[in-house]
Protein backbone atom coordinates (compact mmCIF):
# COMPACT_ATOMS: atom_id res chain seq x y z
CA UNK A 1 16.26 55.46 -54.86
CA UNK A 2 14.51 57.41 -57.64
CA UNK A 3 12.20 54.93 -59.27
CA UNK A 4 10.28 51.71 -58.45
CA UNK A 5 9.84 49.41 -61.41
CA UNK A 6 11.25 52.10 -63.63
CA UNK A 7 8.30 54.43 -63.30
CA UNK A 8 7.56 55.63 -59.91
CA UNK A 9 8.36 58.67 -57.70
CA UNK A 10 10.40 58.60 -54.53
CA UNK A 11 7.47 59.61 -52.29
CA UNK A 12 5.31 56.80 -53.43
CA UNK A 13 7.76 54.03 -52.68
CA UNK A 14 8.75 52.14 -49.57
CA UNK A 15 11.93 50.01 -49.41
CA UNK A 16 11.61 46.20 -49.32
CA UNK A 17 12.13 44.46 -46.06
CA UNK A 18 12.98 40.70 -45.82
CA UNK A 19 11.72 38.43 -43.17
CA UNK A 20 14.37 39.47 -40.91
CA UNK A 21 13.53 43.10 -41.24
CA UNK A 22 16.70 44.01 -43.22
CA UNK A 23 16.31 46.69 -45.81
CA UNK A 24 16.80 45.48 -49.22
CA UNK A 25 16.42 46.99 -52.76
CA UNK A 26 15.89 44.76 -55.79
CA UNK A 27 17.62 45.87 -59.04
CA UNK A 28 15.50 48.44 -60.86
CA UNK A 29 13.88 47.51 -64.05
CA UNK A 30 12.82 49.67 -66.85
CA UNK A 31 9.55 49.26 -68.70
CA UNK A 32 11.41 48.26 -71.91
CA UNK A 33 13.45 45.82 -69.95
CA UNK A 34 10.25 44.13 -68.41
CA UNK A 35 8.68 43.98 -71.83
CA UNK A 36 11.78 42.29 -73.40
CA UNK A 37 11.86 39.83 -70.50
CA UNK A 38 8.38 38.65 -70.70
CA UNK A 39 7.37 38.98 -74.34
CA UNK A 40 8.39 35.47 -75.49
CA UNK A 41 6.86 33.63 -72.34
CA UNK A 42 3.25 34.15 -73.23
CA UNK A 43 1.50 30.85 -73.39
CA UNK A 44 -2.09 29.38 -73.19
CA UNK A 45 -3.37 29.00 -69.61
CA UNK A 46 -4.47 25.36 -69.08
CA UNK A 47 -6.98 26.18 -66.47
CA UNK A 48 -8.95 22.90 -66.47
CA UNK A 49 -5.94 20.42 -65.98
CA UNK A 50 -4.21 22.56 -63.49
CA UNK A 51 -7.26 22.87 -61.15
CA UNK A 52 -8.29 19.25 -61.31
CA UNK A 53 -4.78 17.88 -60.76
CA UNK A 54 -4.02 20.01 -57.62
CA UNK A 55 -7.31 18.83 -56.04
CA UNK A 56 -6.81 15.06 -57.15
CA UNK A 57 -3.25 15.21 -55.52
CA UNK A 58 -4.50 16.67 -52.19
CA UNK A 59 -7.40 13.96 -52.01
CA UNK A 60 -4.75 11.24 -52.76
CA UNK A 61 -2.53 12.39 -49.93
CA UNK A 62 -5.45 12.47 -47.52
CA UNK A 63 -6.61 9.05 -48.32
CA UNK A 64 -3.29 7.27 -48.83
CA UNK A 65 -1.71 8.75 -45.68
CA UNK A 66 -4.57 9.16 -43.25
CA UNK A 67 -2.43 8.39 -40.26
CA UNK A 68 -0.08 11.44 -40.53
CA UNK A 69 -1.88 13.76 -43.00
CA UNK A 70 -4.96 15.85 -42.31
CA UNK A 71 -6.93 18.75 -43.67
CA UNK A 72 -6.25 22.07 -41.86
CA UNK A 73 -7.34 25.69 -42.03
CA UNK A 74 -4.71 28.23 -41.73
CA UNK A 75 -4.91 30.56 -38.53
CA UNK A 76 -2.31 33.28 -37.16
CA UNK A 77 -1.64 33.51 -33.65
CA UNK A 78 -0.75 36.83 -31.79
CA UNK A 79 2.89 35.99 -31.61
CA UNK A 80 2.93 35.63 -35.41
CA UNK A 81 2.96 31.94 -35.36
CA UNK A 82 1.11 30.28 -38.25
CA UNK A 83 -1.04 27.24 -37.14
CA UNK A 84 -3.27 24.89 -38.80
CA UNK A 85 -6.66 23.91 -37.24
CA UNK A 86 -7.65 20.41 -38.29
CA UNK A 87 -11.11 20.00 -40.02
CA UNK A 88 -12.81 17.34 -37.87
CA UNK A 89 -11.08 15.08 -35.41
CA UNK A 90 -7.44 14.22 -35.89
CA UNK A 91 -5.91 12.27 -32.88
CA UNK A 92 -7.50 14.72 -30.41
CA UNK A 93 -5.12 17.35 -31.88
CA UNK A 94 -6.69 20.97 -31.68
CA UNK A 95 -3.77 22.77 -33.56
CA UNK A 96 -0.72 22.17 -35.40
CA UNK A 97 2.17 24.46 -35.49
CA UNK A 98 3.23 24.81 -39.18
CA UNK A 99 6.92 24.94 -39.91
CA UNK A 100 6.99 26.04 -43.54
CA UNK A 101 4.18 28.55 -44.23
CA UNK A 102 6.68 30.34 -46.78
CA UNK A 103 4.18 33.29 -46.91
CA UNK A 104 2.16 31.71 -49.64
CA UNK A 105 -1.02 31.04 -47.70
CA UNK A 106 -3.68 33.27 -46.37
CA UNK A 107 -5.79 33.42 -43.35
CA UNK A 108 -8.51 30.55 -43.60
CA UNK A 109 -6.83 28.80 -46.40
CA UNK A 110 -7.41 24.94 -46.54
CA UNK A 111 -4.14 23.01 -46.67
CA UNK A 112 -3.03 19.40 -46.37
CA UNK A 113 -0.52 19.13 -43.59
CA UNK A 114 1.79 16.21 -42.76
CA UNK A 115 2.11 15.90 -39.08
CA UNK A 116 5.86 15.06 -38.00
CA UNK A 117 6.65 12.93 -34.98
CA UNK A 118 5.40 14.58 -31.91
CA UNK A 119 7.81 15.24 -29.03
CA UNK A 120 7.01 15.04 -25.39
CA UNK A 121 6.28 18.45 -23.84
CA UNK A 122 6.22 20.16 -27.37
CA UNK A 123 3.17 21.30 -29.41
CA UNK A 124 2.25 19.26 -32.37
CA UNK A 125 4.20 20.22 -35.45
CA UNK A 126 3.56 19.69 -39.22
CA UNK A 127 4.55 20.68 -42.69
CA UNK A 128 2.28 22.03 -45.48
CA UNK A 129 2.11 19.58 -48.33
CA UNK A 130 -0.17 21.35 -50.71
CA UNK A 131 -3.11 23.65 -50.73
CA UNK A 132 -6.51 22.17 -50.93
CA UNK A 133 -8.61 23.55 -53.75
CA UNK A 134 -12.28 22.75 -53.53
CA UNK A 135 -13.70 22.50 -57.15
CA UNK A 136 -17.05 24.20 -56.93
CA UNK A 137 -20.20 22.45 -58.19
CA UNK A 138 -19.92 24.59 -61.38
CA UNK A 139 -16.63 23.88 -63.26
CA UNK A 140 -15.23 23.63 -66.60
CA UNK A 141 -15.27 20.29 -68.57
CA UNK A 142 -13.43 18.94 -71.44
CA UNK A 143 -14.88 20.13 -74.88
CA UNK A 144 -15.22 16.42 -76.29
CA UNK A 145 -18.03 15.89 -73.75
CA UNK A 146 -20.34 18.49 -75.56
CA UNK A 147 -19.76 17.74 -79.19
CA UNK A 148 -23.11 17.03 -80.93
CA UNK A 149 -25.34 17.69 -78.00
CA UNK A 150 -28.54 19.82 -78.74
CA UNK A 151 -28.56 21.93 -75.57
CA UNK A 152 -24.92 22.88 -76.00
CA UNK A 153 -23.70 25.39 -78.66
CA UNK A 154 -20.33 26.34 -79.90
CA UNK A 155 -19.78 30.08 -79.51
CA UNK A 156 -17.29 33.04 -79.58
CA UNK A 157 -17.46 34.67 -76.23
CA UNK A 158 -17.55 38.60 -76.14
CA UNK A 159 -17.07 40.63 -72.97
CA UNK A 160 -19.13 43.72 -72.98
CA UNK A 161 -17.72 44.93 -69.68
CA UNK A 162 -16.44 43.62 -66.42
CA UNK A 163 -19.89 41.85 -65.60
CA UNK A 164 -21.92 41.50 -68.74
CA UNK A 165 -21.03 39.00 -71.67
CA UNK A 166 -22.63 37.38 -74.55
CA UNK A 167 -21.87 34.45 -76.83
CA UNK A 168 -22.11 34.42 -80.67
CA UNK A 169 -22.96 30.85 -81.97
CA UNK A 170 -20.82 29.53 -84.75
CA UNK A 171 -22.22 26.07 -84.98
CA UNK A 172 -25.94 26.84 -85.12
CA UNK A 173 -27.17 29.51 -87.56
CA UNK A 174 -30.72 29.63 -86.08
CA UNK A 175 -29.46 31.43 -82.81
CA UNK A 176 -27.92 34.85 -83.08
CA UNK A 177 -26.98 35.54 -79.51
CA UNK A 178 -26.85 34.00 -76.09
CA UNK A 179 -26.70 36.09 -73.04
CA UNK A 180 -24.34 34.96 -70.29
CA UNK A 181 -26.28 36.47 -67.36
CA UNK A 182 -23.51 36.59 -64.85
CA UNK A 183 -19.83 36.67 -64.19
CA UNK A 184 -19.74 32.98 -63.20
CA UNK A 185 -21.57 32.08 -66.30
CA UNK A 186 -18.50 33.07 -68.28
CA UNK A 187 -16.10 30.81 -66.28
CA UNK A 188 -12.65 31.38 -67.33
CA UNK A 189 -13.32 32.48 -70.92
CA UNK A 190 -11.51 35.66 -72.11
CA UNK A 191 -12.76 37.81 -74.96
CA UNK A 192 -12.75 35.96 -78.33
CA UNK A 193 -12.37 32.54 -76.86
CA UNK A 194 -14.24 29.64 -78.64
CA UNK A 195 -16.31 27.84 -75.95
CA UNK A 196 -19.20 25.41 -75.46
CA UNK A 197 -22.29 27.19 -74.03
CA UNK A 198 -24.91 25.24 -72.34
CA UNK A 199 -28.47 26.71 -72.80
CA UNK A 200 -30.09 27.40 -69.62
CA UNK A 201 -33.65 27.78 -71.25
CA UNK A 202 -33.48 25.34 -74.27
CA UNK A 203 -37.21 25.17 -74.40
CA UNK A 204 -37.19 28.72 -75.91
CA UNK A 205 -34.89 27.72 -78.85
CA UNK A 206 -36.60 28.66 -82.06
CA UNK A 207 -38.84 31.15 -80.39
CA UNK A 208 -38.57 35.00 -80.24
CA UNK A 209 -37.57 34.67 -76.44
CA UNK A 210 -33.87 35.61 -75.45
CA UNK A 211 -31.71 32.61 -74.95
CA UNK A 212 -29.46 32.34 -71.78
CA UNK A 213 -26.42 30.17 -71.15
CA UNK A 214 -23.24 29.51 -69.36
CA UNK A 215 -19.77 28.41 -70.57
CA UNK A 216 -19.15 24.75 -69.85
CA UNK A 217 -15.94 24.16 -71.83
CA UNK A 218 -13.21 26.12 -73.62
CA UNK A 219 -12.51 24.84 -77.04
CA UNK A 220 -9.75 27.31 -78.07
CA UNK A 221 -8.12 30.22 -76.37
CA UNK A 222 -7.97 33.34 -78.51
CA UNK A 223 -4.98 34.71 -76.46
CA UNK A 224 -1.99 33.38 -74.77
CA UNK A 225 -2.81 34.81 -71.59
CA UNK A 226 -0.13 33.23 -69.32
CA UNK A 227 2.64 35.60 -68.53
CA UNK A 228 1.09 38.24 -70.88
CA UNK A 229 1.54 41.77 -69.93
CA UNK A 230 -1.81 43.88 -69.43
CA UNK A 231 -2.02 47.53 -69.14
CA UNK A 232 -4.48 48.26 -66.45
CA UNK A 233 -6.15 51.01 -64.28
CA UNK A 234 -7.42 50.87 -60.77
CA UNK A 235 -11.23 49.90 -60.58
CA UNK A 236 -12.89 52.70 -58.51
CA UNK A 237 -14.52 51.26 -55.47
CA UNK A 238 -12.91 47.80 -55.83
CA UNK A 239 -9.42 47.97 -54.33
CA UNK A 240 -8.48 44.37 -54.92
CA UNK A 241 -9.04 44.51 -58.71
CA UNK A 242 -7.59 46.21 -61.74
CA UNK A 243 -9.36 46.74 -65.21
CA UNK A 244 -7.19 45.79 -68.38
CA UNK A 245 -7.61 48.63 -70.88
CA UNK A 246 -7.48 46.01 -73.72
CA UNK A 247 -10.63 44.30 -72.56
CA UNK A 248 -9.24 40.77 -73.04
CA UNK A 249 -10.14 39.72 -69.46
CA UNK A 250 -12.99 41.51 -67.39
CA UNK A 251 -10.70 42.35 -64.45
CA UNK A 252 -7.66 41.06 -62.79
CA UNK A 253 -6.93 40.35 -59.10
CA UNK A 254 -3.38 41.57 -58.21
CA UNK A 255 -1.18 39.93 -55.80
CA UNK A 256 -0.93 42.22 -52.76
CA UNK A 257 0.10 39.77 -50.23
CA UNK A 258 3.41 41.40 -49.51
CA UNK A 259 1.78 44.67 -48.50
CA UNK A 260 -1.01 42.81 -46.60
CA UNK A 261 1.27 40.79 -44.36
CA UNK A 262 4.98 41.38 -44.53
CA UNK A 263 6.07 45.05 -45.44
CA UNK A 264 7.53 46.79 -42.32
CA UNK A 265 6.55 50.19 -43.41
CA UNK A 266 2.92 49.18 -43.95
CA UNK A 267 3.09 47.66 -40.58
CA UNK A 268 4.16 50.91 -39.11
CA UNK A 269 1.45 52.89 -40.86
CA UNK A 270 -1.19 50.33 -39.91
CA UNK A 271 -0.33 50.50 -36.22
CA UNK A 272 -0.70 54.24 -36.36
CA UNK A 273 -3.94 53.81 -38.20
CA UNK A 274 -5.63 51.60 -35.73
CA UNK A 275 -4.01 53.32 -32.73
CA UNK A 276 -3.08 50.50 -30.59
CA UNK A 277 -0.35 47.83 -30.63
CA UNK A 278 -2.31 44.60 -30.23
CA UNK A 279 -5.73 43.10 -30.63
CA UNK A 280 -7.15 39.80 -31.53
CA UNK A 281 -5.11 38.18 -34.31
CA UNK A 282 -7.85 37.38 -36.72
CA UNK A 283 -9.48 40.88 -36.46
CA UNK A 284 -6.00 42.46 -36.88
CA UNK A 285 -5.44 40.43 -39.94
CA UNK A 286 -8.60 41.33 -41.62
CA UNK A 287 -8.17 45.13 -40.75
CA UNK A 288 -4.73 45.05 -42.10
CA UNK A 289 -5.88 43.41 -45.23
CA UNK A 290 -8.39 46.18 -45.80
CA UNK A 291 -5.87 48.85 -44.89
CA UNK A 292 -3.22 47.53 -47.28
CA UNK A 293 -5.67 46.92 -50.21
CA UNK A 294 -7.04 50.47 -49.72
CA UNK A 295 -3.68 52.34 -49.83
CA UNK A 296 -0.99 50.09 -51.16
CA UNK A 297 -0.05 48.08 -54.34
CA UNK A 298 2.76 45.35 -54.16
CA UNK A 299 5.25 45.93 -56.96
CA UNK A 300 7.30 42.95 -58.11
CA UNK A 301 10.61 42.51 -59.73
CA UNK A 302 10.80 40.03 -62.60
CA UNK A 303 13.64 37.58 -63.08
CA UNK A 304 14.20 34.16 -64.74
CA UNK A 305 14.52 30.96 -62.90
CA UNK A 306 17.21 29.04 -64.71
CA UNK A 307 16.83 25.35 -64.48
CA UNK A 308 19.08 23.11 -66.49
CA UNK A 309 16.45 20.37 -66.53
CA UNK A 310 13.51 22.40 -67.72
CA UNK A 311 12.89 25.69 -69.68
CA UNK A 312 13.35 29.06 -67.98
CA UNK A 313 10.37 30.55 -66.36
CA UNK A 314 9.81 33.96 -65.02
CA UNK A 315 9.44 34.41 -61.24
CA UNK A 316 8.32 37.47 -59.26
CA UNK A 317 9.84 38.91 -56.29
CA UNK A 318 8.27 41.54 -54.13
CA UNK A 319 10.12 44.85 -54.44
CA UNK A 320 8.03 47.38 -52.37
CA UNK A 321 4.74 48.36 -51.16
CA UNK A 322 3.79 51.42 -53.06
CA UNK A 323 1.30 53.89 -51.61
CA UNK A 324 -1.47 54.73 -54.23
CA UNK A 325 -4.40 57.05 -54.00
CA UNK A 326 -6.98 54.54 -55.17
CA UNK A 327 -9.99 56.84 -54.98
CA UNK A 328 -8.44 59.38 -57.47
CA UNK A 329 -5.73 57.43 -59.30
CA UNK A 330 -3.95 58.98 -62.35
CA UNK A 331 -1.48 56.06 -62.55
CA UNK A 332 -1.54 53.01 -64.90
CA UNK A 333 -0.17 49.62 -63.89
CA UNK A 334 1.55 46.97 -65.87
CA UNK A 335 0.32 43.60 -64.63
CA UNK A 336 1.70 40.15 -65.64
CA UNK A 337 -1.23 37.64 -65.96
CA UNK A 338 -0.39 34.51 -63.87
CA UNK A 339 -3.26 32.22 -63.66
CA UNK A 340 -7.06 31.88 -63.69
CA UNK A 341 -8.21 29.31 -61.22
CA UNK A 342 -11.65 27.35 -61.90
CA UNK A 343 -14.45 28.73 -59.86
CA UNK A 344 -12.96 32.21 -59.54
CA UNK A 345 -14.58 35.21 -61.30
CA UNK A 346 -11.17 36.89 -62.29
CA UNK A 347 -7.64 35.80 -63.13
CA UNK A 348 -4.54 36.66 -60.74
CA UNK A 349 -1.53 38.61 -61.68
CA UNK A 350 1.55 40.60 -60.33
CA UNK A 351 2.16 44.28 -60.84
CA UNK A 352 5.41 44.67 -62.26
CA UNK A 353 5.44 48.43 -63.08
CA UNK A 354 3.59 51.75 -62.09
CA UNK A 355 3.33 54.44 -64.67
CA UNK A 356 2.77 57.85 -63.77
CA UNK A 357 0.84 60.27 -65.79
CA UNK A 358 3.92 62.44 -66.62
CA UNK A 359 5.55 59.33 -68.16
CA UNK A 360 2.60 58.38 -70.56
CA UNK A 361 3.92 60.31 -73.52
CA UNK A 362 7.53 59.33 -73.40
CA UNK A 363 6.73 55.71 -73.24
CA UNK A 364 3.54 56.00 -75.59
CA UNK A 365 4.58 53.58 -78.16
CA UNK A 366 5.53 50.77 -75.83
CA UNK A 367 2.33 51.20 -73.77
CA UNK A 368 0.23 51.03 -77.05
CA UNK A 369 1.95 47.95 -78.06
CA UNK A 370 1.19 46.39 -74.63
CA UNK A 371 -2.42 47.46 -74.79
CA UNK A 372 -3.15 46.25 -78.22
CA UNK A 373 -0.90 43.30 -78.32
CA UNK A 374 1.28 44.58 -81.07
CA UNK A 375 5.06 44.13 -81.57
CA UNK A 376 7.17 46.89 -80.09
CA UNK A 377 9.89 48.47 -82.52
CA UNK A 378 12.21 50.77 -80.88
CA UNK A 379 12.76 53.88 -82.87
CA UNK A 380 16.29 54.49 -84.22
CA UNK A 381 17.40 57.66 -82.70
CA UNK A 382 19.83 58.50 -85.49
CA UNK A 383 17.34 57.84 -88.13
CA UNK A 384 14.65 59.92 -86.31
CA UNK A 385 17.11 62.89 -86.03
CA UNK A 386 17.75 62.74 -89.78
CA UNK A 387 14.11 62.46 -90.53
CA UNK A 388 13.38 65.59 -88.34
CA UNK A 389 16.21 67.51 -90.13
CA UNK A 390 14.78 66.61 -93.46
CA UNK A 391 11.18 67.59 -92.49
CA UNK A 392 12.53 71.05 -91.16
CA UNK A 393 14.40 71.59 -94.52
CA UNK A 394 11.17 70.76 -96.53
CA UNK A 395 9.09 73.11 -94.27
CA UNK A 396 11.56 75.94 -94.68
CA UNK A 397 11.67 75.55 -98.48
CA UNK A 398 7.81 75.51 -98.60
CA UNK A 399 7.51 78.62 -96.36
CA UNK A 400 9.94 80.44 -98.91
């Protein structure tokens, strides 16, 4: 096929193989089609509620059903079987064969597993119920907690670059600037968000010394980030991240799980790369992860999941593992923002289109509208032709 995601050359793209090894091609999507599909789905990202709810659900499952539920860590055996290693003792069980990995979980992920009835002469089997998200010591809180507190200031967050940020107070005229000293200090705040910033050196308030702080609550988001399209470039030396040209978020981690674990062509190239057929399962997984992240980008197709009981939501299906020279990349990537988990430095997203350098100019208007969050108005070809004719007539008359 000629294009992947509407914007990629033949030699850069590999076909998509399903879990049975069958070669499949998902329908091609043009850049304009992707834009029209996703432009009405951008919503605010409720980072706090989402992270807390998932953890509370996992803890409730473990406490209410301790007889047949346990906390396990994902491992992969040499035969490809996914197993869970219980954290601590669980009925003298050393490992549980997981029947429903569904390709969503990675090596060493913590999950809650429901153990099904054990049969004589067969290994213990179980079903993954949910991922266990450990909320870190540093987390976001609800804004109401900090109203009126002297050590907390309502600010507008500004991202200087991928690592450096600062906050401009709006509730205290005596402070001009608060430095957010690390990526973690910004939490899940995007550029322009109204946030409560906790002062790390409140004793220096009112003096000439620089004030430092960290974001502890998001009062109002400046952007509808969820399902927002971001025009990005590869970050040199950081193969797992991309950098949005708009500067709304510092970086974005793109979903590359298909290339890391499932693509048949990547598997073939990886075997050639390591020069042997088998080694320890955990070592092979780590090496393949590095190999895939260094050389490939997973490209996704977008479609709507139609549910009569709820509103339609976009879903992302892996289309291909695209080979990209990440050390000297002249391509741009259209990434759809998915979520920003509490405790993680960057949000996650899916690459839905890859734009080659030769395609920049023809798609300039659409790419600019994505970069600067402007509405895209497609040019009327007939009107444009008439305008060019009139311009040429005026130019000829002027020359006379």
